[in-house]
Amino acid sequence: MPTSLPSAVDLVAVVREFLESDLLTATGLDDDKRFNVRIAINLLATVERELRLGPQADAAEAERLAALVKAGNSISDKNRRLSQAIRAGAIRIDDPLLLEHLRHTLTDTLRNNKPKWLDQK
């Protein structure tokens, strides 16, 4: 892709910022439209985080899964193999590597989908 074009992250951010700063604050916007604009802003923020964080989180998840199941090409294949190994008893539910994997995967998911939940204690 030509480097003179803005990245997808930047494009999504510009649209989200426009909706937040210009459209949401516009007078004459009824409650239903304001609600729908807020939903659009939240969805764009999620897409923006996914574009920024997704590749690193996916690579880290693939690495953790490879340590657990030692096989599989894709993340979904490795997850399927992990599920099968847990069901078969080949990996115990209290295995430290499994618990670490689950903790990191959940944290990465929350960091993308609901980052404010990570700040709550």
PDB file of N, CA and C in Angstrom:
ATOM      1  N   MET A   1       0.847  -1.172   0.000  1.00  0.00           N
ATOM      2  CA  MET A   1       0.000   0.000   0.000  1.00  0.00           C
ATOM      3  C   MET A   1       0.894   1.237   0.000  1.00  0.00           C
ATOM      4  N   PRO A   2       0.551   2.240  -0.794  1.00  0.00           N
ATOM      5  CA  PRO A   2       1.356   3.463  -0.816  1.00  0.00           C
ATOM      6  C   PRO A   2       1.409   4.116   0.559  1.00  0.00           C
ATOM      7  N   THR A   3       2.577   4.617   0.914  1.00  0.00           N
ATOM      8  CA  THR A   3       2.736   5.236   2.232  1.00  0.00           C
ATOM      9  C   THR A   3       2.110   6.620   2.309  1.00  0.00           C
ATOM     10  N   SER A   4       1.693   7.166   1.162  1.00  0.00           N
ATOM     11  CA  SER A   4       1.093   8.500   1.186  1.00  0.00           C
ATOM     12  C   SER A   4      -0.361   8.470   1.647  1.00  0.00           C
ATOM     13  N   LEU A   5      -0.952   7.285   1.732  1.00  0.00           N
ATOM     14  CA  LEU A   5      -2.330   7.171   2.182  1.00  0.00           C
ATOM     15  C   LEU A   5      -2.391   7.045   3.697  1.00  0.00           C
ATOM     16  N   PRO A   6      -3.414   7.635   4.327  1.00  0.00           N
ATOM     17  CA  PRO A   6      -3.547   7.455   5.783  1.00  0.00           C
ATOM     18  C   PRO A   6      -3.882   5.995   6.097  1.00  0.00           C
ATOM     19  N   SER A   7      -3.489   5.572   7.262  1.00  0.00           N
ATOM     20  CA  SER A   7      -3.767   4.198   7.675  1.00  0.00           C
ATOM     21  C   SER A   7      -5.246   4.040   8.004  1.00  0.00           C
ATOM     22  N   ALA A   8      -5.699   2.796   8.016  1.00  0.00           N
ATOM     23  CA  ALA A   8      -7.092   2.512   8.383  1.00  0.00           C
ATOM     24  C   ALA A   8      -7.384   3.024   9.787  1.00  0.00           C
ATOM     25  N   VAL A   9      -6.419   2.891  10.686  1.00  0.00           N
ATOM     26  CA  VAL A   9      -6.600   3.381  12.061  1.00  0.00           C
ATOM     27  C   VAL A   9      -6.862   4.883  12.048  1.00  0.00           C
ATOM     28  N   ASP A  10      -6.072   5.611  11.276  1.00  0.00           N
ATOM     29  CA  ASP A  10      -6.238   7.060  11.222  1.00  0.00           C
ATOM     30  C   ASP A  10      -7.573   7.447  10.594  1.00  0.00           C
ATOM     31  N   LEU A  11      -7.987   6.742   9.561  1.00  0.00           N
ATOM     32  CA  LEU A  11      -9.266   7.035   8.913  1.00  0.00           C
ATOM     33  C   LEU A  11     -10.428   6.812   9.873  1.00  0.00           C
ATOM     34  N   VAL A  12     -10.400   5.698  10.585  1.00  0.00           N
ATOM     35  CA  VAL A  12     -11.462   5.406  11.553  1.00  0.00           C
ATOM     36  C   VAL A  12     -11.463   6.450  12.663  1.00  0.00           C
ATOM     37  N   ALA A  13     -10.284   6.830  13.117  1.00  0.00           N
ATOM     38  CA  ALA A  13     -10.182   7.832  14.188  1.00  0.00           C
ATOM     39  C   ALA A  13     -10.761   9.172  13.757  1.00  0.00           C
ATOM     40  N   VAL A  14     -10.513   9.569  12.520  1.00  0.00           N
ATOM     41  CA  VAL A  14     -11.032  10.846  12.033  1.00  0.00           C
ATOM     42  C   VAL A  14     -12.556  10.830  11.997  1.00  0.00           C
ATOM     43  N   VAL A  15     -13.133   9.744  11.518  1.00  0.00           N
ATOM     44  CA  VAL A  15     -14.600   9.652  11.468  1.00  0.00           C
ATOM     45  C   VAL A  15     -15.175   9.658  12.880  1.00  0.00           C
ATOM     46  N   ARG A  16     -14.557   8.877  13.793  1.00  0.00           N
ATOM     47  CA  ARG A  16     -15.033   8.836  15.179  1.00  0.00           C
ATOM     48  C   ARG A  16     -14.958  10.219  15.818  1.00  0.00           C
ATOM     49  N   GLU A  17     -13.844  10.899  15.618  1.00  0.00           N
ATOM     50  CA  GLU A  17     -13.677  12.230  16.202  1.00  0.00           C
ATOM     51  C   GLU A  17     -14.686  13.224  15.628  1.00  0.00           C
ATOM     52  N   PHE A  18     -14.983  13.137  14.334  1.00  0.00           N
ATOM     53  CA  PHE A  18     -15.995  14.005  13.729  1.00  0.00           C
ATOM     54  C   PHE A  18     -17.356  13.762  14.374  1.00  0.00           C
ATOM     55  N   LEU A  19     -17.723  12.495  14.512  1.00  0.00           N
ATOM     56  CA  LEU A  19     -19.016  12.179  15.128  1.00  0.00           C
ATOM     57  C   LEU A  19     -19.080  12.708  16.554  1.00  0.00           C
ATOM     58  N   GLU A  20     -17.976  12.552  17.291  1.00  0.00           N
ATOM     59  CA  GLU A  20     -17.939  12.992  18.693  1.00  0.00           C
ATOM     60  C   GLU A  20     -17.971  14.511  18.825  1.00  0.00           C
ATOM     61  N   SER A  21     -17.131  15.172  18.060  1.00  0.00           N
ATOM     62  CA  SER A  21     -16.970  16.612  18.276  1.00  0.00           C
ATOM     63  C   SER A  21     -17.978  17.460  17.501  1.00  0.00           C
ATOM     64  N   ASP A  22     -18.370  17.035  16.328  1.00  0.00           N
ATOM     65  CA  ASP A  22     -19.259  17.861  15.507  1.00  0.00           C
ATOM     66  C   ASP A  22     -20.716  17.395  15.540  1.00  0.00           C
ATOM     67  N   LEU A  23     -20.922  16.137  15.254  1.00  0.00           N
ATOM     68  CA  LEU A  23     -22.295  15.659  15.114  1.00  0.00           C
ATOM     69  C   LEU A  23     -22.993  15.487  16.462  1.00  0.00           C
ATOM     70  N   LEU A  24     -22.317  14.891  17.424  1.00  0.00           N
ATOM     71  CA  LEU A  24     -22.949  14.625  18.716  1.00  0.00           C
ATOM     72  C   LEU A  24     -23.306  15.917  19.448  1.00  0.00           C
ATOM     73  N   THR A  25     -22.506  16.940  19.242  1.00  0.00           N
ATOM     74  CA  THR A  25     -22.760  18.215  19.928  1.00  0.00           C
ATOM     75  C   THR A  25     -23.671  19.143  19.142  1.00  0.00           C
ATOM     76  N   ALA A  26     -24.097  18.716  17.958  1.00  0.00           N
ATOM     77  CA  ALA A  26     -24.963  19.560  17.123  1.00  0.00           C
ATOM     78  C   ALA A  26     -26.318  19.757  17.792  1.00  0.00           C
ATOM     79  N   THR A  27     -26.833  20.955  17.672  1.00  0.00           N
ATOM     80  CA  THR A  27     -28.166  21.231  18.207  1.00  0.00           C
ATOM     81  C   THR A  27     -29.206  20.667  17.249  1.00  0.00           C
ATOM     82  N   GLY A  28     -30.358  20.349  17.777  1.00  0.00           N
ATOM     83  CA  GLY A  28     -31.433  19.841  16.952  1.00  0.00           C
ATOM     84  C   GLY A  28     -31.385  18.340  16.731  1.00  0.00           C
ATOM     85  N   LEU A  29     -30.453  17.673  17.341  1.00  0.00           N
ATOM     86  CA  LEU A  29     -30.345  16.216  17.219  1.00  0.00           C
ATOM     87  C   LEU A  29     -31.275  15.589  18.254  1.00  0.00           C
ATOM     88  N   ASP A  30     -32.273  14.847  17.775  1.00  0.00           N
ATOM     89  CA  ASP A  30     -33.211  14.253  18.735  1.00  0.00           C
ATOM     90  C   ASP A  30     -32.547  13.099  19.486  1.00  0.00           C
ATOM     91  N   ASP A  31     -33.199  12.655  20.549  1.00  0.00           N
ATOM     92  CA  ASP A  31     -32.614  11.641  21.430  1.00  0.00           C
ATOM     93  C   ASP A  31     -32.292  10.343  20.701  1.00  0.00           C
ATOM     94  N   ASP A  32     -33.162   9.909  19.794  1.00  0.00           N
ATOM     95  CA  ASP A  32     -32.903   8.677  19.055  1.00  0.00           C
ATOM     96  C   ASP A  32     -31.649   8.794  18.191  1.00  0.00           C
ATOM     97  N   LYS A  33     -31.519   9.888  17.491  1.00  0.00           N
ATOM     98  CA  LYS A  33     -30.340  10.087  16.637  1.00  0.00           C
ATOM     99  C   LYS A  33     -29.081  10.226  17.494  1.00  0.00           C
ATOM    100  N   ARG A  34     -29.184  10.945  18.605  1.00  0.00           N
ATOM    101  CA  ARG A  34     -28.036  11.092  19.504  1.00  0.00           C
ATOM    102  C   ARG A  34     -27.587   9.718  20.022  1.00  0.00           C
ATOM    103  N   PHE A  35     -28.559   8.865  20.369  1.00  0.00           N
ATOM    104  CA  PHE A  35     -28.258   7.509  20.831  1.00  0.00           C
ATOM    105  C   PHE A  35     -27.549   6.724  19.732  1.00  0.00           C
ATOM    106  N   ASN A  36     -28.053   6.812  18.501  1.00  0.00           N
ATOM    107  CA  ASN A  36     -27.444   6.086  17.383  1.00  0.00           C
ATOM    108  C   ASN A  36     -26.045   6.599  17.061  1.00  0.00           C
ATOM    109  N   VAL A  37     -25.833   7.900  17.183  1.00  0.00           N
ATOM    110  CA  VAL A  37     -24.496   8.461  16.972  1.00  0.00           C
ATOM    111  C   VAL A  37     -23.545   7.946  18.052  1.00  0.00           C
ATOM    112  N   ARG A  38     -24.020   7.888  19.297  1.00  0.00           N
ATOM    113  CA  ARG A  38     -23.184   7.376  20.387  1.00  0.00           C
ATOM    114  C   ARG A  38     -22.800   5.906  20.122  1.00  0.00           C
ATOM    115  N   ILE A  39     -23.743   5.107  19.621  1.00  0.00           N
ATOM    116  CA  ILE A  39     -23.446   3.713  19.274  1.00  0.00           C
ATOM    117  C   ILE A  39     -22.383   3.662  18.180  1.00  0.00           C
ATOM    118  N   ALA A  40     -22.539   4.485  17.152  1.00  0.00           N
ATOM    119  CA  ALA A  40     -21.561   4.524  16.061  1.00  0.00           C
ATOM    120  C   ALA A  40     -20.176   4.912  16.581  1.00  0.00           C
ATOM    121  N   ILE A  41     -20.119   5.875  17.482  1.00  0.00           N
ATOM    122  CA  ILE A  41     -18.841   6.296  18.076  1.00  0.00           C
ATOM    123  C   ILE A  41     -18.206   5.133  18.828  1.00  0.00           C
ATOM    124  N   ASN A  42     -18.996   4.428  19.623  1.00  0.00           N
ATOM    125  CA  ASN A  42     -18.459   3.292  20.384  1.00  0.00           C
ATOM    126  C   ASN A  42     -17.976   2.179  19.466  1.00  0.00           C
ATOM    127  N   LEU A  43     -18.721   1.907  18.407  1.00  0.00           N
ATOM    128  CA  LEU A  43     -18.299   0.868  17.460  1.00  0.00           C
ATOM    129  C   LEU A  43     -17.005   1.262  16.753  1.00  0.00           C
ATOM    130  N   LEU A  44     -16.908   2.520  16.342  1.00  0.00           N
ATOM    131  CA  LEU A  44     -15.681   2.972  15.691  1.00  0.00           C
ATOM    132  C   LEU A  44     -14.493   2.931  16.656  1.00  0.00           C
ATOM    133  N   ALA A  45     -14.722   3.251  17.916  1.00  0.00           N
ATOM    134  CA  ALA A  45     -13.643   3.175  18.905  1.00  0.00           C
ATOM    135  C   ALA A  45     -13.167   1.731  19.067  1.00  0.00           C
ATOM    136  N   THR A  46     -14.098   0.783  19.039  1.00  0.00           N
ATOM    137  CA  THR A  46     -13.728  -0.633  19.132  1.00  0.00           C
ATOM    138  C   THR A  46     -12.924  -1.055  17.904  1.00  0.00           C
ATOM    139  N   VAL A  47     -13.365  -0.655  16.726  1.00  0.00           N
ATOM    140  CA  VAL A  47     -12.625  -0.981  15.499  1.00  0.00           C
ATOM    141  C   VAL A  47     -11.236  -0.349  15.539  1.00  0.00           C
ATOM    142  N   GLU A  48     -11.154   0.878  15.998  1.00  0.00           N
ATOM    143  CA  GLU A  48      -9.861   1.568  16.102  1.00  0.00           C
ATOM    144  C   GLU A  48      -8.911   0.813  17.025  1.00  0.00           C
ATOM    145  N   ARG A  49      -9.412   0.396  18.186  1.00  0.00           N
ATOM    146  CA  ARG A  49      -8.564  -0.378  19.117  1.00  0.00           C
ATOM    147  C   ARG A  49      -8.166  -1.712  18.494  1.00  0.00           C
ATOM    148  N   GLU A  50      -9.093  -2.371  17.805  1.00  0.00           N
ATOM    149  CA  GLU A  50      -8.783  -3.656  17.168  1.00  0.00           C
ATOM    150  C   GLU A  50      -7.673  -3.493  16.128  1.00  0.00           C
ATOM    151  N   LEU A  51      -7.750  -2.435  15.349  1.00  0.00           N
ATOM    152  CA  LEU A  51      -6.716  -2.191  14.350  1.00  0.00           C
ATOM    153  C   LEU A  51      -5.365  -1.895  14.992  1.00  0.00           C
ATOM    154  N   ARG A  52      -5.395  -1.175  16.126  1.00  0.00           N
ATOM    155  CA  ARG A  52      -4.144  -0.835  16.811  1.00  0.00           C
ATOM    156  C   ARG A  52      -3.564  -2.018  17.596  1.00  0.00           C
ATOM    157  N   LEU A  53      -4.427  -2.739  18.309  1.00  0.00           N
ATOM    158  CA  LEU A  53      -3.959  -3.767  19.247  1.00  0.00           C
ATOM    159  C   LEU A  53      -4.044  -5.191  18.717  1.00  0.00           C
ATOM    160  N   GLY A  54      -4.909  -5.417  17.755  1.00  0.00           N
ATOM    161  CA  GLY A  54      -5.193  -6.770  17.298  1.00  0.00           C
ATOM    162  C   GLY A  54      -4.002  -7.585  16.841  1.00  0.00           C
ATOM    163  N   PRO A  55      -3.148  -7.053  15.965  1.00  0.00           N
ATOM    164  CA  PRO A  55      -2.037  -7.868  15.481  1.00  0.00           C
ATOM    165  C   PRO A  55      -1.097  -8.355  16.590  1.00  0.00           C
ATOM    166  N   GLN A  56      -0.782  -7.480  17.551  1.00  0.00           N
ATOM    167  CA  GLN A  56       0.099  -7.894  18.643  1.00  0.00           C
ATOM    168  C   GLN A  56      -0.593  -8.917  19.534  1.00  0.00           C
ATOM    169  N   ALA A  57      -1.872  -8.676  19.831  1.00  0.00           N
ATOM    170  CA  ALA A  57      -2.619  -9.605  20.684  1.00  0.00           C
ATOM    171  C   ALA A  57      -2.750 -10.956  20.006  1.00  0.00           C
ATOM    172  N   ASP A  58      -3.006 -10.963  18.695  1.00  0.00           N
ATOM    173  CA  ASP A  58      -3.120 -12.226  17.969  1.00  0.00           C
ATOM    174  C   ASP A  58      -1.802 -12.988  17.972  1.00  0.00           C
ATOM    175  N   ALA A  59      -0.708 -12.269  17.756  1.00  0.00           N
ATOM    176  CA  ALA A  59       0.607 -12.926  17.751  1.00  0.00           C
ATOM    177  C   ALA A  59       0.920 -13.508  19.126  1.00  0.00           C
ATOM    178  N   ALA A  60       0.610 -12.767  20.178  1.00  0.00           N
ATOM    179  CA  ALA A  60       0.871 -13.261  21.537  1.00  0.00           C
ATOM    180  C   ALA A  60      -0.006 -14.469  21.844  1.00  0.00           C
ATOM    181  N   GLU A  61      -1.277 -14.414  21.426  1.00  0.00           N
ATOM    182  CA  GLU A  61      -2.169 -15.553  21.660  1.00  0.00           C
ATOM    183  C   GLU A  61      -1.680 -16.779  20.905  1.00  0.00           C
ATOM    184  N   ALA A  62      -1.273 -16.610  19.667  1.00  0.00           N
ATOM    185  CA  ALA A  62      -0.780 -17.737  18.868  1.00  0.00           C
ATOM    186  C   ALA A  62       0.452 -18.366  19.522  1.00  0.00           C
ATOM    187  N   GLU A  63       1.316 -17.534  20.072  1.00  0.00           N
ATOM    188  CA  GLU A  63       2.525 -18.037  20.744  1.00  0.00           C
ATOM    189  C   GLU A  63       2.168 -18.825  22.009  1.00  0.00           C
ATOM    190  N   ARG A  64       1.229 -18.294  22.793  1.00  0.00           N
ATOM    191  CA  ARG A  64       0.813 -19.009  24.013  1.00  0.00           C
ATOM    192  C   ARG A  64       0.141 -20.329  23.662  1.00  0.00           C
ATOM    193  N   LEU A  65      -0.700 -20.316  22.637  1.00  0.00           N
ATOM    194  CA  LEU A  65      -1.383 -21.541  22.222  1.00  0.00           C
ATOM    195  C   LEU A  65      -0.390 -22.578  21.717  1.00  0.00           C
ATOM    196  N   ALA A  66       0.620 -22.123  20.979  1.00  0.00           N
ATOM    197  CA  ALA A  66       1.636 -23.051  20.473  1.00  0.00           C
ATOM    198  C   ALA A  66       2.364 -23.738  21.621  1.00  0.00           C
ATOM    199  N   ALA A  67       2.570 -23.018  22.711  1.00  0.00           N
ATOM    200  CA  ALA A  67       3.219 -23.637  23.874  1.00  0.00           C
ATOM    201  C   ALA A  67       2.319 -24.681  24.530  1.00  0.00           C
ATOM    202  N   LEU A  68       1.020 -24.506  24.386  1.00  0.00           N
ATOM    203  CA  LEU A  68       0.072 -25.434  25.012  1.00  0.00           C
ATOM    204  C   LEU A  68      -0.225 -26.650  24.133  1.00  0.00           C
ATOM    205  N   VAL A  69      -0.436 -26.441  22.841  1.00  0.00           N
ATOM    206  CA  VAL A  69      -0.900 -27.547  21.989  1.00  0.00           C
ATOM    207  C   VAL A  69       0.135 -28.021  20.983  1.00  0.00           C
ATOM    208  N   LYS A  70       1.193 -27.289  20.769  1.00  0.00           N
ATOM    209  CA  LYS A  70       2.309 -27.700  19.922  1.00  0.00           C
ATOM    210  C   LYS A  70       1.923 -28.013  18.480  1.00  0.00           C
ATOM    211  N   ALA A  71       0.727 -27.690  18.056  1.00  0.00           N
ATOM    212  CA  ALA A  71       0.309 -27.988  16.683  1.00  0.00           C
ATOM    213  C   ALA A  71      -0.797 -27.046  16.269  1.00  0.00           C
ATOM    214  N   GLY A  72      -1.055 -27.037  14.995  1.00  0.00           N
ATOM    215  CA  GLY A  72      -2.131 -26.208  14.461  1.00  0.00           C
ATOM    216  C   GLY A  72      -1.567 -25.011  13.734  1.00  0.00           C
ATOM    217  N   ASN A  73      -2.261 -24.626  12.699  1.00  0.00           N
ATOM    218  CA  ASN A  73      -1.777 -23.511  11.880  1.00  0.00           C
ATOM    219  C   ASN A  73      -2.377 -22.181  12.310  1.00  0.00           C
ATOM    220  N   SER A  74      -3.679 -22.134  12.425  1.00  0.00           N
ATOM    221  CA  SER A  74      -4.354 -20.879  12.753  1.00  0.00           C
ATOM    222  C   SER A  74      -4.689 -20.826  14.243  1.00  0.00           C
ATOM    223  N   ILE A  75      -5.033 -19.641  14.698  1.00  0.00           N
ATOM    224  CA  ILE A  75      -5.445 -19.490  16.096  1.00  0.00           C
ATOM    225  C   ILE A  75      -6.698 -20.324  16.364  1.00  0.00           C
ATOM    226  N   SER A  76      -7.645 -20.304  15.431  1.00  0.00           N
ATOM    227  CA  SER A  76      -8.868 -21.085  15.651  1.00  0.00           C
ATOM    228  C   SER A  76      -8.569 -22.585  15.695  1.00  0.00           C
ATOM    229  N   ASP A  77      -7.633 -23.043  14.870  1.00  0.00           N
ATOM    230  CA  ASP A  77      -7.244 -24.458  14.912  1.00  0.00           C
ATOM    231  C   ASP A  77      -6.576 -24.796  16.246  1.00  0.00           C
ATOM    232  N   LYS A  78      -5.716 -23.915  16.698  1.00  0.00           N
ATOM    233  CA  LYS A  78      -5.048 -24.141  17.991  1.00  0.00           C
ATOM    234  C   LYS A  78      -6.046 -24.108  19.137  1.00  0.00           C
ATOM    235  N   ASN A  79      -7.001 -23.190  19.082  1.00  0.00           N
ATOM    236  CA  ASN A  79      -8.034 -23.141  20.120  1.00  0.00           C
ATOM    237  C   ASN A  79      -8.877 -24.413  20.127  1.00  0.00           C
ATOM    238  N   ARG A  80      -9.195 -24.919  18.936  1.00  0.00           N
ATOM    239  CA  ARG A  80      -9.946 -26.174  18.846  1.00  0.00           C
ATOM    240  C   ARG A  80      -9.143 -27.323  19.457  1.00  0.00           C
ATOM    241  N   ARG A  81      -7.863 -27.369  19.140  1.00  0.00           N
ATOM    242  CA  ARG A  81      -6.999 -28.416  19.705  1.00  0.00           C
ATOM    243  C   ARG A  81      -6.870 -28.281  21.224  1.00  0.00           C
ATOM    244  N   LEU A  82      -6.810 -27.051  21.696  1.00  0.00           N
ATOM    245  CA  LEU A  82      -6.751 -26.818  23.136  1.00  0.00           C
ATOM    246  C   LEU A  82      -8.023 -27.323  23.809  1.00  0.00           C
ATOM    247  N   SER A  83      -9.166 -27.004  23.234  1.00  0.00           N
ATOM    248  CA  SER A  83     -10.446 -27.475  23.789  1.00  0.00           C
ATOM    249  C   SER A  83     -10.493 -28.994  23.829  1.00  0.00           C
ATOM    250  N   GLN A  84     -10.036 -29.623  22.760  1.00  0.00           N
ATOM    251  CA  GLN A  84     -10.021 -31.085  22.718  1.00  0.00           C
ATOM    252  C   GLN A  84      -9.084 -31.662  23.775  1.00  0.00           C
ATOM    253  N   ALA A  85      -7.934 -31.029  23.957  1.00  0.00           N
ATOM    254  CA  ALA A  85      -6.970 -31.518  24.951  1.00  0.00           C
ATOM    255  C   ALA A  85      -7.521 -31.373  26.370  1.00  0.00           C
ATOM    256  N   ILE A  86      -8.230 -30.294  26.631  1.00  0.00           N
ATOM    257  CA  ILE A  86      -8.836 -30.103  27.961  1.00  0.00           C
ATOM    258  C   ILE A  86      -9.916 -31.155  28.187  1.00  0.00           C
ATOM    259  N   ARG A  87     -10.782 -31.355  27.185  1.00  0.00           N
ATOM    260  CA  ARG A  87     -11.842 -32.363  27.313  1.00  0.00           C
ATOM    261  C   ARG A  87     -11.272 -33.766  27.505  1.00  0.00           C
ATOM    262  N   ALA A  88     -10.173 -34.065  26.822  1.00  0.00           N
ATOM    263  CA  ALA A  88      -9.573 -35.400  26.903  1.00  0.00           C
ATOM    264  C   ALA A  88      -8.745 -35.581  28.174  1.00  0.00           C
ATOM    265  N   GLY A  89      -8.529 -34.492  28.905  1.00  0.00           N
ATOM    266  CA  GLY A  89      -7.733 -34.581  30.122  1.00  0.00           C
ATOM    267  C   GLY A  89      -6.241 -34.490  29.877  1.00  0.00           C
ATOM    268  N   ALA A  90      -5.835 -34.215  28.644  1.00  0.00           N
ATOM    269  CA  ALA A  90      -4.415 -34.084  28.328  1.00  0.00           C
ATOM    270  C   ALA A  90      -3.830 -32.795  28.910  1.00  0.00           C
ATOM    271  N   ILE A  91      -4.676 -31.804  29.082  1.00  0.00           N
ATOM    272  CA  ILE A  91      -4.279 -30.561  29.751  1.00  0.00           C
ATOM    273  C   ILE A  91      -5.248 -30.353  30.905  1.00  0.00           C
ATOM    274  N   ARG A  92      -4.688 -30.251  32.096  1.00  0.00           N
ATOM    275  CA  ARG A  92      -5.524 -30.056  33.281  1.00  0.00           C
ATOM    276  C   ARG A  92      -6.021 -28.617  33.332  1.00  0.00           C
ATOM    277  N   ILE A  93      -7.199 -28.447  33.868  1.00  0.00           N
ATOM    278  CA  ILE A  93      -7.812 -27.125  33.951  1.00  0.00           C
ATOM    279  C   ILE A  93      -7.019 -26.186  34.876  1.00  0.00           C
ATOM    280  N   ASP A  94      -6.228 -26.732  35.772  1.00  0.00           N
ATOM    281  CA  ASP A  94      -5.410 -25.902  36.666  1.00  0.00           C
ATOM    282  C   ASP A  94      -3.949 -25.803  36.209  1.00  0.00           C
ATOM    283  N   ASP A  95      -3.671 -26.203  34.988  1.00  0.00           N
ATOM    284  CA  ASP A  95      -2.317 -26.108  34.432  1.00  0.00           C
ATOM    285  C   ASP A  95      -1.890 -24.634  34.418  1.00  0.00           C
ATOM    286  N   PRO A  96      -0.729 -24.308  34.984  1.00  0.00           N
ATOM    287  CA  PRO A  96      -0.292 -22.907  35.046  1.00  0.00           C
ATOM    288  C   PRO A  96      -0.190 -22.239  33.673  1.00  0.00           C
ATOM    289  N   LEU A  97       0.265 -22.970  32.657  1.00  0.00           N
ATOM    290  CA  LEU A  97       0.339 -22.388  31.313  1.00  0.00           C
ATOM    291  C   LEU A  97      -1.047 -22.060  30.767  1.00  0.00           C
ATOM    292  N   LEU A  98      -2.015 -22.949  31.029  1.00  0.00           N
ATOM    293  CA  LEU A  98      -3.384 -22.704  30.590  1.00  0.00           C
ATOM    294  C   LEU A  98      -3.960 -21.487  31.307  1.00  0.00           C
ATOM    295  N   LEU A  99      -3.778 -21.414  32.611  1.00  0.00           N
ATOM    296  CA  LEU A  99      -4.308 -20.284  33.373  1.00  0.00           C
ATOM    297  C   LEU A  99      -3.675 -18.966  32.920  1.00  0.00           C
ATOM    298  N   GLU A 100      -2.377 -18.985  32.655  1.00  0.00           N
ATOM    299  CA  GLU A 100      -1.700 -17.778  32.163  1.00  0.00           C
ATOM    300  C   GLU A 100      -2.264 -17.390  30.795  1.00  0.00           C
ATOM    301  N   HIS A 101      -2.448 -18.375  29.933  1.00  0.00           N
ATOM    302  CA  HIS A 101      -3.011 -18.103  28.610  1.00  0.00           C
ATOM    303  C   HIS A 101      -4.404 -17.484  28.721  1.00  0.00           C
ATOM    304  N   LEU A 102      -5.252 -18.070  29.542  1.00  0.00           N
ATOM    305  CA  LEU A 102      -6.617 -17.571  29.696  1.00  0.00           C
ATOM    306  C   LEU A 102      -6.626 -16.154  30.271  1.00  0.00           C
ATOM    307  N   ARG A 103      -5.768 -15.904  31.249  1.00  0.00           N
ATOM    308  CA  ARG A 103      -5.689 -14.579  31.866  1.00  0.00           C
ATOM    309  C   ARG A 103      -5.263 -13.524  30.828  1.00  0.00           C
ATOM    310  N   HIS A 104      -4.225 -13.840  30.046  1.00  0.00           N
ATOM    311  CA  HIS A 104      -3.747 -12.889  29.039  1.00  0.00           C
ATOM    312  C   HIS A 104      -4.767 -12.695  27.915  1.00  0.00           C
ATOM    313  N   THR A 105      -5.405 -13.777  27.500  1.00  0.00           N
ATOM    314  CA  THR A 105      -6.389 -13.672  26.427  1.00  0.00           C
ATOM    315  C   THR A 105      -7.580 -12.827  26.866  1.00  0.00           C
ATOM    316  N   LEU A 106      -8.038 -13.034  28.082  1.00  0.00           N
ATOM    317  CA  LEU A 106      -9.145 -12.234  28.603  1.00  0.00           C
ATOM    318  C   LEU A 106      -8.741 -10.765  28.724  1.00  0.00           C
ATOM    319  N   THR A 107      -7.550 -10.507  29.212  1.00  0.00           N
ATOM    320  CA  THR A 107      -7.072  -9.127  29.342  1.00  0.00           C
ATOM    321  C   THR A 107      -6.994  -8.453  27.977  1.00  0.00           C
ATOM    322  N   ASP A 108      -6.456  -9.155  26.983  1.00  0.00           N
ATOM    323  CA  ASP A 108      -6.372  -8.585  25.638  1.00  0.00           C
ATOM    324  C   ASP A 108      -7.757  -8.318  25.062  1.00  0.00           C
ATOM    325  N   THR A 109      -8.690  -9.224  25.307  1.00  0.00           N
ATOM    326  CA  THR A 109     -10.055  -9.047  24.816  1.00  0.00           C
ATOM    327  C   THR A 109     -10.701  -7.833  25.469  1.00  0.00           C
ATOM    328  N   LEU A 110     -10.546  -7.709  26.777  1.00  0.00           N
ATOM    329  CA  LEU A 110     -11.108  -6.547  27.475  1.00  0.00           C
ATOM    330  C   LEU A 110     -10.436  -5.256  27.038  1.00  0.00           C
ATOM    331  N   ARG A 111      -9.129  -5.307  26.816  1.00  0.00           N
ATOM    332  CA  ARG A 111      -8.402  -4.113  26.382  1.00  0.00           C
ATOM    333  C   ARG A 111      -8.991  -3.598  25.070  1.00  0.00           C
ATOM    334  N   ASN A 112      -9.466  -4.502  24.230  1.00  0.00           N
ATOM    335  CA  ASN A 112     -10.074  -4.085  22.969  1.00  0.00           C
ATOM    336  C   ASN A 112     -11.544  -3.718  23.136  1.00  0.00           C
ATOM    337  N   ASN A 113     -12.320  -4.591  23.772  1.00  0.00           N
ATOM    338  CA  ASN A 113     -13.773  -4.425  23.799  1.00  0.00           C
ATOM    339  C   ASN A 113     -14.284  -3.510  24.906  1.00  0.00           C
ATOM    340  N   LYS A 114     -13.709  -3.589  26.081  1.00  0.00           N
ATOM    341  CA  LYS A 114     -14.177  -2.803  27.234  1.00  0.00           C
ATOM    342  C   LYS A 114     -12.988  -2.346  28.077  1.00  0.00           C
ATOM    343  N   PRO A 115     -12.145  -1.455  27.561  1.00  0.00           N
ATOM    344  CA  PRO A 115     -10.926  -1.081  28.293  1.00  0.00           C
ATOM    345  C   PRO A 115     -11.188  -0.471  29.667  1.00  0.00           C
ATOM    346  N   LYS A 116     -12.340   0.157  29.855  1.00  0.00           N
ATOM    347  CA  LYS A 116     -12.640   0.757  31.155  1.00  0.00           C
ATOM    348  C   LYS A 116     -12.771  -0.313  32.240  1.00  0.00           C
ATOM    349  N   TRP A 117     -13.167  -1.519  31.854  1.00  0.00           N
ATOM    350  CA  TRP A 117     -13.316  -2.595  32.843  1.00  0.00           C
ATOM    351  C   TRP A 117     -11.973  -2.972  33.451  1.00  0.00           C
ATOM    352  N   LEU A 118     -10.887  -2.777  32.720  1.00  0.00           N
ATOM    353  CA  LEU A 118      -9.562  -3.085  33.244  1.00  0.00           C
ATOM    354  C   LEU A 118      -9.131  -2.088  34.306  1.00  0.00           C
ATOM    355  N   ASP A 119      -9.690  -0.878  34.252  1.00  0.00           N
ATOM    356  CA  ASP A 119      -9.327   0.164  35.210  1.00  0.00           C
ATOM    357  C   ASP A 119     -10.051   0.008  36.546  1.00  0.00           C
ATOM    358  N   GLN A 120     -11.142  -0.756  36.546  1.00  0.00           N
ATOM    359  CA  GLN A 120     -11.925  -0.939  37.773  1.00  0.00           C
ATOM    360  C   GLN A 120     -11.216  -1.919  38.698  1.00  0.00           C
ATOM    361  N   LYS A 121     -11.270  -1.626  39.973  1.00  0.00           N
ATOM    362  CA  LYS A 121     -10.633  -2.528  40.939  1.00  0.00           C
ATOM    363  C   LYS A 121     -11.605  -2.901  42.013  1.00  0.00           C
TER     364      LYS A 121
END
